[in-house]
Amino acid sequence: MDEGSEAPSRPPSAPVELPVLQLDGALPLPAPARDGDAGTDLRAAHDALLEPGGGRAVVGTGLALAIPWGYCGLVLPRSGLARDHGVTCLNTPGLIDAGYRGELQVLLVNTDPVEAFAVHRGDRVAQLVVLPFAAVRFAPAETLPTSERGERGWGHSGRR
């Protein structure tokens, strides 16, 4: 590739339509910051104070969604909040099933041992990623197929 040229772009996939109910019409609809971004920022619908050393709050987003069947929503932390303030989502990823129709809420926690963190209405507090998933049916079995890893679990690959 020539110096200064851009990487070849991939044709965009057809967007999945996601009906959204704005419970708070004063907040903007979520939208990716840039074309191709996987995550869409979620904003706080109200103020909250996260005390230092594990203070937490459930923060509403002012949005309810109708995620299509065969998809799920994952609520993830914003990296800048974690890096700059020690604020993250407590149950990461938060899973939103297709059948849920209530307000999206984010469980935030402040891991900073000294500084409180104030969430203000309209702040970007988390991000939402919508993904397809495979529906499964568990089938009893007498044995499982073998694999190279086998039963090696925790720390199976070692640390060097």
C-alpha atoms as a PDB file:
ATOM      1  CA  MET A   1       0.000   0.000   0.000  1.00  0.00           C
ATOM      2  CA  ASP A   2       1.360   3.440  -0.887  1.00  0.00           C
ATOM      3  CA  GLU A   3       2.350   5.740   1.946  1.00  0.00           C
ATOM      4  CA  GLY A   4      -0.506   8.060   2.802  1.00  0.00           C
ATOM      5  CA  SER A   5      -3.169   5.939   1.143  1.00  0.00           C
ATOM      6  CA  GLU A   6      -6.097   4.700   3.151  1.00  0.00           C
ATOM      7  CA  ALA A   7      -6.789   1.080   3.905  1.00  0.00           C
ATOM      8  CA  PRO A   8      -9.340  -0.423   1.545  1.00  0.00           C
ATOM      9  CA  SER A   9     -12.815   0.092   2.894  1.00  0.00           C
ATOM     10  CA  ARG A  10     -15.193  -2.748   3.389  1.00  0.00           C
ATOM     11  CA  PRO A  11     -18.695  -2.300   2.081  1.00  0.00           C
ATOM     12  CA  PRO A  12     -21.026  -1.546   4.959  1.00  0.00           C
ATOM     13  CA  SER A  13     -23.415  -4.235   6.008  1.00  0.00           C
ATOM     14  CA  ALA A  14     -27.090  -3.435   5.903  1.00  0.00           C
ATOM     15  CA  PRO A  15     -28.014  -1.816   9.205  1.00  0.00           C
ATOM     16  CA  VAL A  16     -30.347  -3.666  11.538  1.00  0.00           C
ATOM     17  CA  GLU A  17     -33.368  -1.489  12.241  1.00  0.00           C
ATOM     18  CA  LEU A  18     -33.712  -0.935  15.962  1.00  0.00           C
ATOM     19  CA  PRO A  19     -36.974   0.669  17.070  1.00  0.00           C
ATOM     20  CA  VAL A  20     -36.339   3.030  19.977  1.00  0.00           C
ATOM     21  CA  LEU A  21     -38.743   4.747  22.321  1.00  0.00           C
ATOM     22  CA  GLN A  22     -37.345   8.048  23.589  1.00  0.00           C
ATOM     23  CA  LEU A  23     -38.552   8.196  27.186  1.00  0.00           C
ATOM     24  CA  ASP A  24     -36.674  11.483  27.470  1.00  0.00           C
ATOM     25  CA  GLY A  25     -37.122  13.399  24.215  1.00  0.00           C
ATOM     26  CA  ALA A  26     -34.609  16.067  25.249  1.00  0.00           C
ATOM     27  CA  LEU A  27     -31.712  13.600  24.925  1.00  0.00           C
ATOM     28  CA  PRO A  28     -30.407  12.835  21.423  1.00  0.00           C
ATOM     29  CA  LEU A  29     -31.018   9.469  19.815  1.00  0.00           C
ATOM     30  CA  PRO A  30     -27.969   7.216  20.055  1.00  0.00           C
ATOM     31  CA  ALA A  31     -25.786   7.089  16.958  1.00  0.00           C
ATOM     32  CA  PRO A  32     -22.293   5.731  16.315  1.00  0.00           C
ATOM     33  CA  ALA A  33     -19.606   8.423  16.481  1.00  0.00           C
ATOM     34  CA  ARG A  34     -18.119   7.242  13.169  1.00  0.00           C
ATOM     35  CA  ASP A  35     -19.133   4.950  10.345  1.00  0.00           C
ATOM     36  CA  GLY A  36     -18.040   1.424  11.161  1.00  0.00           C
ATOM     37  CA  ASP A  37     -18.015   1.893  14.963  1.00  0.00           C
ATOM     38  CA  ALA A  38     -19.410  -1.159  16.737  1.00  0.00           C
ATOM     39  CA  GLY A  39     -20.505   0.694  19.853  1.00  0.00           C
ATOM     40  CA  THR A  40     -23.035   3.466  20.268  1.00  0.00           C
ATOM     41  CA  ASP A  41     -22.778   5.758  23.287  1.00  0.00           C
ATOM     42  CA  LEU A  42     -25.549   5.723  25.860  1.00  0.00           C
ATOM     43  CA  ARG A  43     -26.247   8.939  27.787  1.00  0.00           C
ATOM     44  CA  ALA A  44     -27.349   9.505  31.367  1.00  0.00           C
ATOM     45  CA  ALA A  45     -30.955  10.646  31.726  1.00  0.00           C
ATOM     46  CA  HIS A  46     -30.294  11.998  35.227  1.00  0.00           C
ATOM     47  CA  ASP A  47     -27.531  13.045  37.604  1.00  0.00           C
ATOM     48  CA  ALA A  48     -25.874  10.595  39.995  1.00  0.00           C
ATOM     49  CA  LEU A  49     -22.937  10.689  42.382  1.00  0.00           C
ATOM     50  CA  LEU A  50     -20.543   7.743  42.542  1.00  0.00           C
ATOM     51  CA  GLU A  51     -18.710   7.788  45.852  1.00  0.00           C
ATOM     52  CA  PRO A  52     -15.059   6.684  45.863  1.00  0.00           C
ATOM     53  CA  GLY A  53     -14.020   3.136  46.610  1.00  0.00           C
ATOM     54  CA  GLY A  54     -16.900   1.272  44.996  1.00  0.00           C
ATOM     55  CA  GLY A  55     -19.781   3.746  45.022  1.00  0.00           C
ATOM     56  CA  ARG A  56     -22.363   2.707  42.472  1.00  0.00           C
ATOM     57  CA  ALA A  57     -25.592   3.900  40.920  1.00  0.00           C
ATOM     58  CA  VAL A  58     -28.168   2.698  38.448  1.00  0.00           C
ATOM     59  CA  VAL A  59     -28.315   5.357  35.744  1.00  0.00           C
ATOM     60  CA  GLY A  60     -31.231   5.452  33.335  1.00  0.00           C
ATOM     61  CA  THR A  61     -30.654   6.266  29.670  1.00  0.00           C
ATOM     62  CA  GLY A  62     -34.099   7.580  28.753  1.00  0.00           C
ATOM     63  CA  LEU A  63     -34.371   4.872  26.058  1.00  0.00           C
ATOM     64  CA  ALA A  64     -36.339   1.686  25.558  1.00  0.00           C
ATOM     65  CA  LEU A  65     -35.497  -0.586  22.614  1.00  0.00           C
ATOM     66  CA  ALA A  66     -37.064  -3.384  20.619  1.00  0.00           C
ATOM     67  CA  ILE A  67     -34.032  -5.517  19.825  1.00  0.00           C
ATOM     68  CA  PRO A  68     -34.959  -7.949  17.026  1.00  0.00           C
ATOM     69  CA  TRP A  69     -35.220 -11.664  17.771  1.00  0.00           C
ATOM     70  CA  GLY A  70     -31.889 -13.374  17.115  1.00  0.00           C
ATOM     71  CA  TYR A  71     -29.964 -10.351  18.432  1.00  0.00           C
ATOM     72  CA  CYS A  72     -28.930  -9.154  21.864  1.00  0.00           C
ATOM     73  CA  GLY A  73     -27.573  -5.918  23.240  1.00  0.00           C
ATOM     74  CA  LEU A  74     -24.376  -5.721  25.277  1.00  0.00           C
ATOM     75  CA  VAL A  75     -23.817  -2.711  27.532  1.00  0.00           C
ATOM     76  CA  LEU A  76     -20.088  -2.059  27.874  1.00  0.00           C
ATOM     77  CA  PRO A  77     -17.981   0.531  29.686  1.00  0.00           C
ATOM     78  CA  ARG A  78     -16.549   3.581  27.971  1.00  0.00           C
ATOM     79  CA  SER A  79     -12.770   3.243  27.950  1.00  0.00           C
ATOM     80  CA  GLY A  80     -12.153   6.943  28.604  1.00  0.00           C
ATOM     81  CA  LEU A  81     -14.225   6.911  31.807  1.00  0.00           C
ATOM     82  CA  ALA A  82     -12.352   3.853  33.036  1.00  0.00           C
ATOM     83  CA  ARG A  83      -8.939   5.260  32.152  1.00  0.00           C
ATOM     84  CA  ASP A  84      -9.465   8.814  33.365  1.00  0.00           C
ATOM     85  CA  HIS A  85     -11.764   8.306  36.356  1.00  0.00           C
ATOM     86  CA  GLY A  86     -11.893   4.621  37.288  1.00  0.00           C
ATOM     87  CA  VAL A  87     -15.589   4.510  36.384  1.00  0.00           C
ATOM     88  CA  THR A  88     -16.860   1.350  34.719  1.00  0.00           C
ATOM     89  CA  CYS A  89     -19.956  -0.814  34.394  1.00  0.00           C
ATOM     90  CA  LEU A  90     -20.305  -3.227  37.270  1.00  0.00           C
ATOM     91  CA  ASN A  91     -21.932  -6.119  35.408  1.00  0.00           C
ATOM     92  CA  THR A  92     -19.960  -6.003  32.216  1.00  0.00           C
ATOM     93  CA  PRO A  93     -21.207  -6.851  29.755  1.00  0.00           C
ATOM     94  CA  GLY A  94     -24.782  -6.111  30.702  1.00  0.00           C
ATOM     95  CA  LEU A  95     -27.008  -8.321  28.567  1.00  0.00           C
ATOM     96  CA  ILE A  96     -30.218  -6.995  27.020  1.00  0.00           C
ATOM     97  CA  ASP A  97     -32.429  -9.732  25.624  1.00  0.00           C
ATOM     98  CA  ALA A  98     -34.662  -9.181  22.606  1.00  0.00           C
ATOM     99  CA  GLY A  99     -37.833  -9.447  24.677  1.00  0.00           C
ATOM    100  CA  TYR A 100     -36.955  -6.643  27.134  1.00  0.00           C
ATOM    101  CA  ARG A 101     -38.938  -3.451  26.601  1.00  0.00           C
ATOM    102  CA  GLY A 102     -38.116  -1.417  29.715  1.00  0.00           C
ATOM    103  CA  GLU A 103     -35.739   1.528  30.051  1.00  0.00           C
ATOM    104  CA  LEU A 104     -32.090   0.726  29.419  1.00  0.00           C
ATOM    105  CA  GLN A 105     -30.222   1.288  32.650  1.00  0.00           C
ATOM    106  CA  VAL A 106     -26.512   1.214  33.326  1.00  0.00           C
ATOM    107  CA  LEU A 107     -25.002   0.036  36.610  1.00  0.00           C
ATOM    108  CA  LEU A 108     -21.952   2.253  37.109  1.00  0.00           C
ATOM    109  CA  VAL A 109     -19.251   1.813  39.742  1.00  0.00           C
ATOM    110  CA  ASN A 110     -16.416   4.110  40.793  1.00  0.00           C
ATOM    111  CA  THR A 111     -13.202   2.178  41.432  1.00  0.00           C
ATOM    112  CA  ASP A 112     -11.167   5.297  42.295  1.00  0.00           C
ATOM    113  CA  PRO A 113     -10.163   4.966  45.966  1.00  0.00           C
ATOM    114  CA  VAL A 114     -10.198   8.738  46.674  1.00  0.00           C
ATOM    115  CA  GLU A 115     -12.219  10.818  44.193  1.00  0.00           C
ATOM    116  CA  ALA A 116     -15.999  10.804  43.860  1.00  0.00           C
ATOM    117  CA  PHE A 117     -17.370  11.007  40.332  1.00  0.00           C
ATOM    118  CA  ALA A 118     -20.403  13.073  39.357  1.00  0.00           C
ATOM    119  CA  VAL A 119     -22.544  11.838  36.479  1.00  0.00           C
ATOM    120  CA  HIS A 120     -24.451  14.652  34.809  1.00  0.00           C
ATOM    121  CA  ARG A 121     -27.571  14.371  32.703  1.00  0.00           C
ATOM    122  CA  GLY A 122     -26.491  13.966  29.064  1.00  0.00           C
ATOM    123  CA  ASP A 123     -23.045  12.492  29.888  1.00  0.00           C
ATOM    124  CA  ARG A 124     -21.991   9.517  27.795  1.00  0.00           C
ATOM    125  CA  VAL A 125     -21.805   6.758  30.415  1.00  0.00           C
ATOM    126  CA  ALA A 126     -21.628   3.451  28.524  1.00  0.00           C
ATOM    127  CA  GLN A 127     -21.851   1.999  25.058  1.00  0.00           C
ATOM    128  CA  LEU A 128     -24.260  -0.409  23.446  1.00  0.00           C
ATOM    129  CA  VAL A 129     -23.246  -3.105  20.966  1.00  0.00           C
ATOM    130  CA  VAL A 130     -25.993  -5.114  19.238  1.00  0.00           C
ATOM    131  CA  LEU A 131     -24.953  -8.575  18.057  1.00  0.00           C
ATOM    132  CA  PRO A 132     -26.554 -11.653  16.534  1.00  0.00           C
ATOM    133  CA  PHE A 133     -26.345 -14.757  18.673  1.00  0.00           C
ATOM    134  CA  ALA A 134     -26.796 -18.466  18.167  1.00  0.00           C
ATOM    135  CA  ALA A 135     -29.816 -19.941  19.890  1.00  0.00           C
ATOM    136  CA  VAL A 136     -28.849 -23.181  21.617  1.00  0.00           C
ATOM    137  CA  ARG A 137     -30.604 -26.264  22.872  1.00  0.00           C
ATOM    138  CA  PHE A 138     -28.733 -28.308  25.448  1.00  0.00           C
ATOM    139  CA  ALA A 139     -28.613 -31.993  24.538  1.00  0.00           C
ATOM    140  CA  PRO A 140     -27.597 -34.575  27.158  1.00  0.00           C
ATOM    141  CA  ALA A 141     -24.560 -36.621  26.132  1.00  0.00           C
ATOM    142  CA  GLU A 142     -22.662 -39.578  27.570  1.00  0.00           C
ATOM    143  CA  THR A 143     -19.306 -38.158  26.428  1.00  0.00           C
ATOM    144  CA  LEU A 144     -17.986 -35.051  24.739  1.00  0.00           C
ATOM    145  CA  PRO A 145     -15.817 -34.913  21.633  1.00  0.00           C
ATOM    146  CA  THR A 146     -12.134 -34.599  22.461  1.00  0.00           C
ATOM    147  CA  SER A 147     -10.190 -31.387  21.929  1.00  0.00           C
ATOM    148  CA  GLU A 148      -6.585 -30.292  22.210  1.00  0.00           C
ATOM    149  CA  ARG A 149      -7.341 -28.252  25.332  1.00  0.00           C
ATOM    150  CA  GLY A 150      -9.422 -30.916  27.023  1.00  0.00           C
ATOM    151  CA  GLU A 151     -10.276 -30.149  30.652  1.00  0.00           C
ATOM    152  CA  ARG A 152      -7.452 -27.651  31.230  1.00  0.00           C
ATOM    153  CA  GLY A 153      -9.164 -24.532  32.552  1.00  0.00           C
ATOM    154  CA  TRP A 154      -7.922 -21.634  34.653  1.00  0.00           C
ATOM    155  CA  GLY A 155      -4.550 -20.453  33.352  1.00  0.00           C
ATOM    156  CA  HIS A 156      -4.382 -23.348  30.928  1.00  0.00           C
ATOM    157  CA  SER A 157      -2.001 -21.579  28.566  1.00  0.00           C
ATOM    158  CA  GLY A 158       0.518 -20.670  31.287  1.00  0.00           C
ATOM    159  CA  ARG A 159       2.340 -17.408  31.805  1.00  0.00           C
ATOM    160  CA  ARG A 160       5.808 -16.783  30.511  1.00  0.00           C
END
